[in-house]
Amino acid sequence: TTVRMAADVLHASREQFPAGLARSTELLVDELDRFESLLGDLLEISRLDAGVEELTAEQVDIRVLARRAHDSVRAISTTANSPVVLDLPDEELTAELDSRRVERILRNLLANAIDHGEGQPVELTMRG
């Protein structure tokens, strides 16, 4: 889209900007990525509601999903000065689920906690 192209041009030229503005271009790209992901989620929900798409369940170590979700909110966590702490068991924690969708749920929960947590730490704890 036009917005994505403009953001990418600004981001590619960020070395030419003052530090604060350069950081703003990084945040713009991060937030645009997040918006595109949210839009994709909404389209997928619409397809599920229409019966066009189905869930795909598989055995997954959900600690891996938690780490991926944590990685994907790292930028907004840093910006909000709201650290995310993972408290995961050492042993594998498996479940049969749709990993892509559960990872998305975890990512959204973490992002919402960061957005509404007023700078407080966010903790994700998993137990077997």
N, C-alpha and C. Protein backbone atom coordinates (compact mmCIF):
# COMPACT_ATOMS: atom_id res chain seq x y z
N THR A 1 0.83 -1.19 0.00
CA THR A 1 0.00 0.00 0.00
C THR A 1 0.87 1.25 0.00
N THR A 2 0.26 2.37 -0.21
CA THR A 2 0.96 3.64 -0.23
C THR A 2 1.57 3.95 1.14
N VAL A 3 0.83 3.67 2.19
CA VAL A 3 1.33 3.93 3.55
C VAL A 3 2.56 3.08 3.83
N ARG A 4 2.53 1.80 3.46
CA ARG A 4 3.67 0.90 3.67
C ARG A 4 4.89 1.39 2.89
N MET A 5 4.67 1.78 1.63
CA MET A 5 5.80 2.26 0.82
C MET A 5 6.41 3.52 1.43
N ALA A 6 5.58 4.45 1.87
CA ALA A 6 6.08 5.68 2.48
C ALA A 6 6.85 5.38 3.76
N ALA A 7 6.32 4.48 4.58
CA ALA A 7 7.00 4.10 5.82
C ALA A 7 8.34 3.44 5.53
N ASP A 8 8.38 2.58 4.52
CA ASP A 8 9.63 1.91 4.16
C ASP A 8 10.67 2.90 3.64
N VAL A 9 10.23 3.90 2.87
CA VAL A 9 11.15 4.92 2.36
C VAL A 9 11.73 5.72 3.53
N LEU A 10 10.88 6.13 4.45
CA LEU A 10 11.35 6.87 5.62
C LEU A 10 12.31 6.02 6.46
N HIS A 11 11.95 4.77 6.65
CA HIS A 11 12.77 3.87 7.46
C HIS A 11 14.14 3.65 6.81
N ALA A 12 14.15 3.50 5.49
CA ALA A 12 15.42 3.29 4.78
C ALA A 12 16.32 4.52 4.86
N SER A 13 15.74 5.69 5.04
CA SER A 13 16.51 6.94 5.10
C SER A 13 16.74 7.42 6.53
N ARG A 14 16.44 6.61 7.51
CA ARG A 14 16.46 7.06 8.90
C ARG A 14 17.82 7.55 9.39
N GLU A 15 18.92 7.09 8.78
CA GLU A 15 20.25 7.54 9.20
C GLU A 15 20.45 9.03 8.92
N GLN A 16 19.66 9.58 8.01
CA GLN A 16 19.79 11.00 7.65
C GLN A 16 19.01 11.90 8.60
N PHE A 17 18.20 11.32 9.49
CA PHE A 17 17.35 12.09 10.39
C PHE A 17 17.99 12.22 11.77
N PRO A 18 17.56 13.23 12.54
CA PRO A 18 18.00 13.30 13.94
C PRO A 18 17.55 12.03 14.68
N ALA A 19 18.22 11.72 15.77
CA ALA A 19 17.98 10.46 16.49
C ALA A 19 16.51 10.24 16.85
N GLY A 20 15.85 11.26 17.36
CA GLY A 20 14.44 11.11 17.75
C GLY A 20 13.55 10.79 16.57
N LEU A 21 13.78 11.45 15.46
CA LEU A 21 12.98 11.19 14.26
C LEU A 21 13.30 9.82 13.67
N ALA A 22 14.57 9.43 13.73
CA ALA A 22 14.96 8.10 13.24
C ALA A 22 14.24 7.02 14.04
N ARG A 23 14.17 7.21 15.35
CA ARG A 23 13.46 6.24 16.20
C ARG A 23 11.98 6.22 15.86
N SER A 24 11.43 7.38 15.53
CA SER A 24 10.01 7.45 15.15
C SER A 24 9.74 6.64 13.89
N THR A 25 10.68 6.63 12.95
CA THR A 25 10.47 5.83 11.73
C THR A 25 10.46 4.35 12.06
N GLU A 26 11.30 3.94 13.02
CA GLU A 26 11.30 2.54 13.45
C GLU A 26 9.97 2.18 14.10
N LEU A 27 9.48 3.06 14.95
CA LEU A 27 8.19 2.82 15.60
C LEU A 27 7.06 2.78 14.58
N LEU A 28 7.13 3.65 13.58
CA LEU A 28 6.11 3.67 12.53
C LEU A 28 6.05 2.33 11.82
N VAL A 29 7.21 1.80 11.45
CA VAL A 29 7.26 0.51 10.76
C VAL A 29 6.76 -0.61 11.68
N ASP A 30 7.17 -0.59 12.94
CA ASP A 30 6.70 -1.61 13.90
C ASP A 30 5.19 -1.57 14.06
N GLU A 31 4.64 -0.37 14.20
CA GLU A 31 3.19 -0.23 14.38
C GLU A 31 2.43 -0.59 13.11
N LEU A 32 3.01 -0.28 11.96
CA LEU A 32 2.38 -0.66 10.70
C LEU A 32 2.38 -2.18 10.56
N ASP A 33 3.46 -2.84 10.96
CA ASP A 33 3.50 -4.31 10.96
C ASP A 33 2.40 -4.86 11.86
N ARG A 34 2.25 -4.25 13.02
CA ARG A 34 1.23 -4.69 13.96
C ARG A 34 -0.18 -4.49 13.39
N PHE A 35 -0.39 -3.34 12.74
CA PHE A 35 -1.69 -3.06 12.13
C PHE A 35 -2.00 -4.07 11.03
N GLU A 36 -1.01 -4.37 10.19
CA GLU A 36 -1.23 -5.34 9.11
C GLU A 36 -1.54 -6.72 9.69
N SER A 37 -0.88 -7.06 10.77
CA SER A 37 -1.15 -8.34 11.43
C SER A 37 -2.57 -8.38 11.98
N LEU A 38 -2.99 -7.29 12.59
CA LEU A 38 -4.35 -7.20 13.13
C LEU A 38 -5.38 -7.30 12.01
N LEU A 39 -5.13 -6.62 10.91
CA LEU A 39 -6.03 -6.69 9.76
C LEU A 39 -6.12 -8.12 9.24
N GLY A 40 -4.98 -8.80 9.15
CA GLY A 40 -4.97 -10.20 8.73
C GLY A 40 -5.77 -11.07 9.68
N ASP A 41 -5.63 -10.79 10.99
CA ASP A 41 -6.39 -11.54 11.99
C ASP A 41 -7.89 -11.36 11.78
N LEU A 42 -8.31 -10.13 11.54
CA LEU A 42 -9.74 -9.86 11.34
C LEU A 42 -10.27 -10.55 10.09
N LEU A 43 -9.47 -10.55 9.03
CA LEU A 43 -9.89 -11.24 7.80
C LEU A 43 -9.99 -12.75 8.04
N GLU A 44 -9.05 -13.28 8.81
CA GLU A 44 -9.08 -14.72 9.11
C GLU A 44 -10.29 -15.08 9.96
N ILE A 45 -10.61 -14.25 10.94
CA ILE A 45 -11.80 -14.49 11.76
C ILE A 45 -13.04 -14.49 10.89
N SER A 46 -13.08 -13.57 9.95
CA SER A 46 -14.22 -13.50 9.02
C SER A 46 -14.33 -14.78 8.20
N ARG A 47 -13.19 -15.31 7.73
CA ARG A 47 -13.20 -16.55 6.96
C ARG A 47 -13.63 -17.74 7.82
N LEU A 48 -13.19 -17.76 9.08
CA LEU A 48 -13.60 -18.82 10.00
C LEU A 48 -15.11 -18.77 10.24
N ASP A 49 -15.62 -17.56 10.46
CA ASP A 49 -17.06 -17.39 10.68
C ASP A 49 -17.87 -17.84 9.46
N ALA A 50 -17.30 -17.63 8.28
CA ALA A 50 -18.00 -18.00 7.05
C ALA A 50 -17.83 -19.48 6.73
N GLY A 51 -17.00 -20.19 7.49
CA GLY A 51 -16.78 -21.61 7.26
C GLY A 51 -15.83 -21.90 6.11
N VAL A 52 -15.10 -20.89 5.67
CA VAL A 52 -14.17 -21.05 4.55
C VAL A 52 -12.83 -21.61 5.02
N GLU A 53 -12.48 -21.36 6.27
CA GLU A 53 -11.19 -21.79 6.81
C GLU A 53 -11.43 -22.63 8.06
N GLU A 54 -10.52 -23.59 8.31
CA GLU A 54 -10.66 -24.46 9.47
C GLU A 54 -9.42 -24.37 10.35
N LEU A 55 -9.58 -24.76 11.60
CA LEU A 55 -8.46 -24.80 12.54
C LEU A 55 -7.57 -26.00 12.24
N THR A 56 -6.28 -25.86 12.50
CA THR A 56 -5.32 -26.93 12.28
C THR A 56 -4.64 -27.24 13.61
N ALA A 57 -5.01 -28.36 14.23
CA ALA A 57 -4.45 -28.72 15.54
C ALA A 57 -3.23 -29.62 15.36
N GLU A 58 -2.23 -29.39 16.22
CA GLU A 58 -1.01 -30.19 16.22
C GLU A 58 -0.41 -30.15 17.62
N GLN A 59 0.44 -31.14 17.95
CA GLN A 59 1.14 -31.16 19.23
C GLN A 59 2.23 -30.10 19.19
N VAL A 60 2.22 -29.21 20.17
CA VAL A 60 3.16 -28.09 20.19
C VAL A 60 3.64 -27.85 21.62
N ASP A 61 4.91 -27.49 21.74
CA ASP A 61 5.44 -27.02 23.03
C ASP A 61 5.04 -25.55 23.15
N ILE A 62 4.10 -25.26 24.04
CA ILE A 62 3.57 -23.89 24.09
C ILE A 62 4.57 -22.88 24.65
N ARG A 63 5.66 -23.35 25.23
CA ARG A 63 6.72 -22.42 25.65
C ARG A 63 7.30 -21.71 24.44
N VAL A 64 7.40 -22.44 23.32
CA VAL A 64 7.92 -21.86 22.07
C VAL A 64 7.00 -20.72 21.61
N LEU A 65 5.69 -20.95 21.70
CA LEU A 65 4.72 -19.92 21.29
C LEU A 65 4.84 -18.69 22.19
N ALA A 66 5.03 -18.92 23.48
CA ALA A 66 5.17 -17.80 24.43
C ALA A 66 6.41 -16.98 24.09
N ARG A 67 7.51 -17.64 23.77
CA ARG A 67 8.75 -16.92 23.43
C ARG A 67 8.58 -16.12 22.14
N ARG A 68 7.91 -16.70 21.15
CA ARG A 68 7.68 -15.98 19.89
C ARG A 68 6.79 -14.76 20.12
N ALA A 69 5.73 -14.94 20.91
CA ALA A 69 4.84 -13.81 21.21
C ALA A 69 5.61 -12.72 21.94
N HIS A 70 6.45 -13.13 22.88
CA HIS A 70 7.29 -12.18 23.62
C HIS A 70 8.19 -11.41 22.66
N ASP A 71 8.84 -12.11 21.75
CA ASP A 71 9.72 -11.45 20.78
C ASP A 71 8.97 -10.45 19.92
N SER A 72 7.73 -10.78 19.56
CA SER A 72 6.98 -9.91 18.65
C SER A 72 6.49 -8.63 19.32
N VAL A 73 6.43 -8.59 20.65
CA VAL A 73 5.99 -7.36 21.34
C VAL A 73 7.17 -6.62 21.98
N ARG A 74 8.37 -7.07 21.72
CA ARG A 74 9.55 -6.46 22.35
C ARG A 74 9.65 -4.96 22.07
N ALA A 75 9.40 -4.54 20.84
CA ALA A 75 9.52 -3.12 20.49
C ALA A 75 8.52 -2.27 21.25
N ILE A 76 7.25 -2.69 21.30
CA ILE A 76 6.26 -1.88 22.01
C ILE A 76 6.48 -1.93 23.52
N SER A 77 7.02 -3.04 24.00
CA SER A 77 7.34 -3.16 25.42
C SER A 77 8.43 -2.16 25.80
N THR A 78 9.44 -2.06 24.96
CA THR A 78 10.54 -1.13 25.20
C THR A 78 10.04 0.31 25.15
N THR A 79 9.25 0.62 24.14
CA THR A 79 8.72 1.97 23.97
C THR A 79 7.85 2.37 25.16
N ALA A 80 7.05 1.44 25.66
CA ALA A 80 6.14 1.72 26.77
C ALA A 80 6.84 1.61 28.13
N ASN A 81 8.13 1.27 28.11
CA ASN A 81 8.88 1.05 29.35
C ASN A 81 8.14 0.08 30.27
N SER A 82 7.65 -0.98 29.64
CA SER A 82 6.87 -2.00 30.34
C SER A 82 7.48 -3.37 30.03
N PRO A 83 8.44 -3.81 30.84
CA PRO A 83 9.11 -5.08 30.53
C PRO A 83 8.16 -6.27 30.60
N VAL A 84 8.38 -7.22 29.71
CA VAL A 84 7.61 -8.46 29.71
C VAL A 84 8.51 -9.56 30.27
N VAL A 85 8.02 -10.24 31.30
CA VAL A 85 8.77 -11.29 31.96
C VAL A 85 8.07 -12.62 31.70
N LEU A 86 8.82 -13.57 31.17
CA LEU A 86 8.28 -14.92 30.95
C LEU A 86 8.69 -15.81 32.11
N ASP A 87 7.72 -16.51 32.67
CA ASP A 87 7.97 -17.48 33.73
C ASP A 87 7.48 -18.83 33.20
N LEU A 88 8.41 -19.56 32.58
CA LEU A 88 8.06 -20.81 31.91
C LEU A 88 8.75 -21.98 32.59
N PRO A 89 8.11 -23.15 32.59
CA PRO A 89 8.75 -24.33 33.19
C PRO A 89 9.95 -24.77 32.36
N ASP A 90 10.88 -25.46 33.00
CA ASP A 90 12.05 -25.98 32.29
C ASP A 90 11.68 -27.13 31.37
N GLU A 91 10.70 -27.93 31.81
CA GLU A 91 10.31 -29.09 31.01
C GLU A 91 9.33 -28.68 29.91
N GLU A 92 9.32 -29.49 28.87
CA GLU A 92 8.42 -29.26 27.74
C GLU A 92 6.97 -29.19 28.21
N LEU A 93 6.20 -28.31 27.60
CA LEU A 93 4.80 -28.11 27.97
C LEU A 93 3.98 -28.23 26.68
N THR A 94 3.54 -29.45 26.37
CA THR A 94 2.88 -29.68 25.09
C THR A 94 1.37 -29.70 25.21
N ALA A 95 0.75 -29.30 24.11
CA ALA A 95 -0.71 -29.32 24.00
C ALA A 95 -1.05 -29.48 22.53
N GLU A 96 -2.24 -30.01 22.26
CA GLU A 96 -2.71 -30.12 20.88
C GLU A 96 -3.55 -28.88 20.59
N LEU A 97 -3.06 -28.06 19.67
CA LEU A 97 -3.72 -26.79 19.38
C LEU A 97 -3.29 -26.25 18.03
N ASP A 98 -3.94 -25.19 17.61
CA ASP A 98 -3.57 -24.48 16.38
C ASP A 98 -2.51 -23.45 16.79
N SER A 99 -1.25 -23.78 16.54
CA SER A 99 -0.14 -22.97 17.06
C SER A 99 -0.17 -21.53 16.56
N ARG A 100 -0.50 -21.34 15.31
CA ARG A 100 -0.50 -19.98 14.75
C ARG A 100 -1.53 -19.11 15.46
N ARG A 101 -2.68 -19.67 15.71
CA ARG A 101 -3.74 -18.88 16.35
C ARG A 101 -3.46 -18.66 17.84
N VAL A 102 -2.94 -19.66 18.52
CA VAL A 102 -2.63 -19.50 19.94
C VAL A 102 -1.49 -18.49 20.11
N GLU A 103 -0.51 -18.53 19.23
CA GLU A 103 0.56 -17.53 19.29
C GLU A 103 -0.02 -16.13 19.10
N ARG A 104 -0.94 -15.99 18.19
CA ARG A 104 -1.59 -14.70 17.95
C ARG A 104 -2.34 -14.24 19.20
N ILE A 105 -3.05 -15.17 19.85
CA ILE A 105 -3.78 -14.83 21.08
C ILE A 105 -2.81 -14.35 22.16
N LEU A 106 -1.71 -15.08 22.34
CA LEU A 106 -0.71 -14.68 23.33
C LEU A 106 -0.13 -13.31 23.00
N ARG A 107 0.20 -13.10 21.73
CA ARG A 107 0.74 -11.81 21.29
C ARG A 107 -0.24 -10.67 21.59
N ASN A 108 -1.52 -10.90 21.27
CA ASN A 108 -2.53 -9.86 21.52
C ASN A 108 -2.71 -9.59 23.01
N LEU A 109 -2.71 -10.66 23.82
CA LEU A 109 -2.83 -10.47 25.27
C LEU A 109 -1.65 -9.67 25.82
N LEU A 110 -0.44 -10.01 25.39
CA LEU A 110 0.73 -9.26 25.84
C LEU A 110 0.68 -7.81 25.38
N ALA A 111 0.33 -7.59 24.12
CA ALA A 111 0.26 -6.22 23.59
C ALA A 111 -0.79 -5.40 24.34
N ASN A 112 -1.93 -5.99 24.63
CA ASN A 112 -2.97 -5.28 25.38
C ASN A 112 -2.51 -4.97 26.80
N ALA A 113 -1.84 -5.92 27.43
CA ALA A 113 -1.34 -5.69 28.79
C ALA A 113 -0.32 -4.55 28.79
N ILE A 114 0.53 -4.50 27.78
CA ILE A 114 1.52 -3.42 27.66
C ILE A 114 0.80 -2.09 27.42
N ASP A 115 -0.13 -2.09 26.48
CA ASP A 115 -0.83 -0.85 26.12
C ASP A 115 -1.62 -0.27 27.29
N HIS A 116 -2.20 -1.13 28.12
CA HIS A 116 -3.07 -0.65 29.19
C HIS A 116 -2.44 -0.79 30.58
N GLY A 117 -1.18 -1.20 30.63
CA GLY A 117 -0.53 -1.45 31.91
C GLY A 117 0.16 -0.26 32.53
N GLU A 118 0.09 0.89 31.89
CA GLU A 118 0.65 2.13 32.43
C GLU A 118 2.10 1.98 32.88
N GLY A 119 2.91 1.30 32.06
CA GLY A 119 4.33 1.16 32.35
C GLY A 119 4.69 0.10 33.36
N GLN A 120 3.71 -0.66 33.82
CA GLN A 120 3.99 -1.73 34.78
C GLN A 120 4.54 -2.95 34.05
N PRO A 121 5.34 -3.76 34.73
CA PRO A 121 5.82 -4.99 34.12
C PRO A 121 4.65 -5.93 33.80
N VAL A 122 4.82 -6.71 32.75
CA VAL A 122 3.83 -7.70 32.34
C VAL A 122 4.47 -9.06 32.52
N GLU A 123 3.77 -9.97 33.19
CA GLU A 123 4.32 -11.31 33.42
C GLU A 123 3.42 -12.36 32.79
N LEU A 124 4.04 -13.24 32.03
CA LEU A 124 3.33 -14.38 31.44
C LEU A 124 3.87 -15.64 32.12
N THR A 125 3.01 -16.33 32.85
CA THR A 125 3.39 -17.53 33.59
C THR A 125 2.67 -18.74 33.00
N MET A 126 3.41 -19.81 32.77
CA MET A 126 2.83 -21.07 32.29
C MET A 126 3.28 -22.19 33.21
N ARG A 127 2.34 -23.07 33.53
CA ARG A 127 2.63 -24.23 34.37
C ARG A 127 2.00 -25.47 33.76
N GLY A 128 2.61 -26.62 33.99
CA GLY A 128 2.11 -27.88 33.46
C GLY A 128 1.07 -28.52 34.34
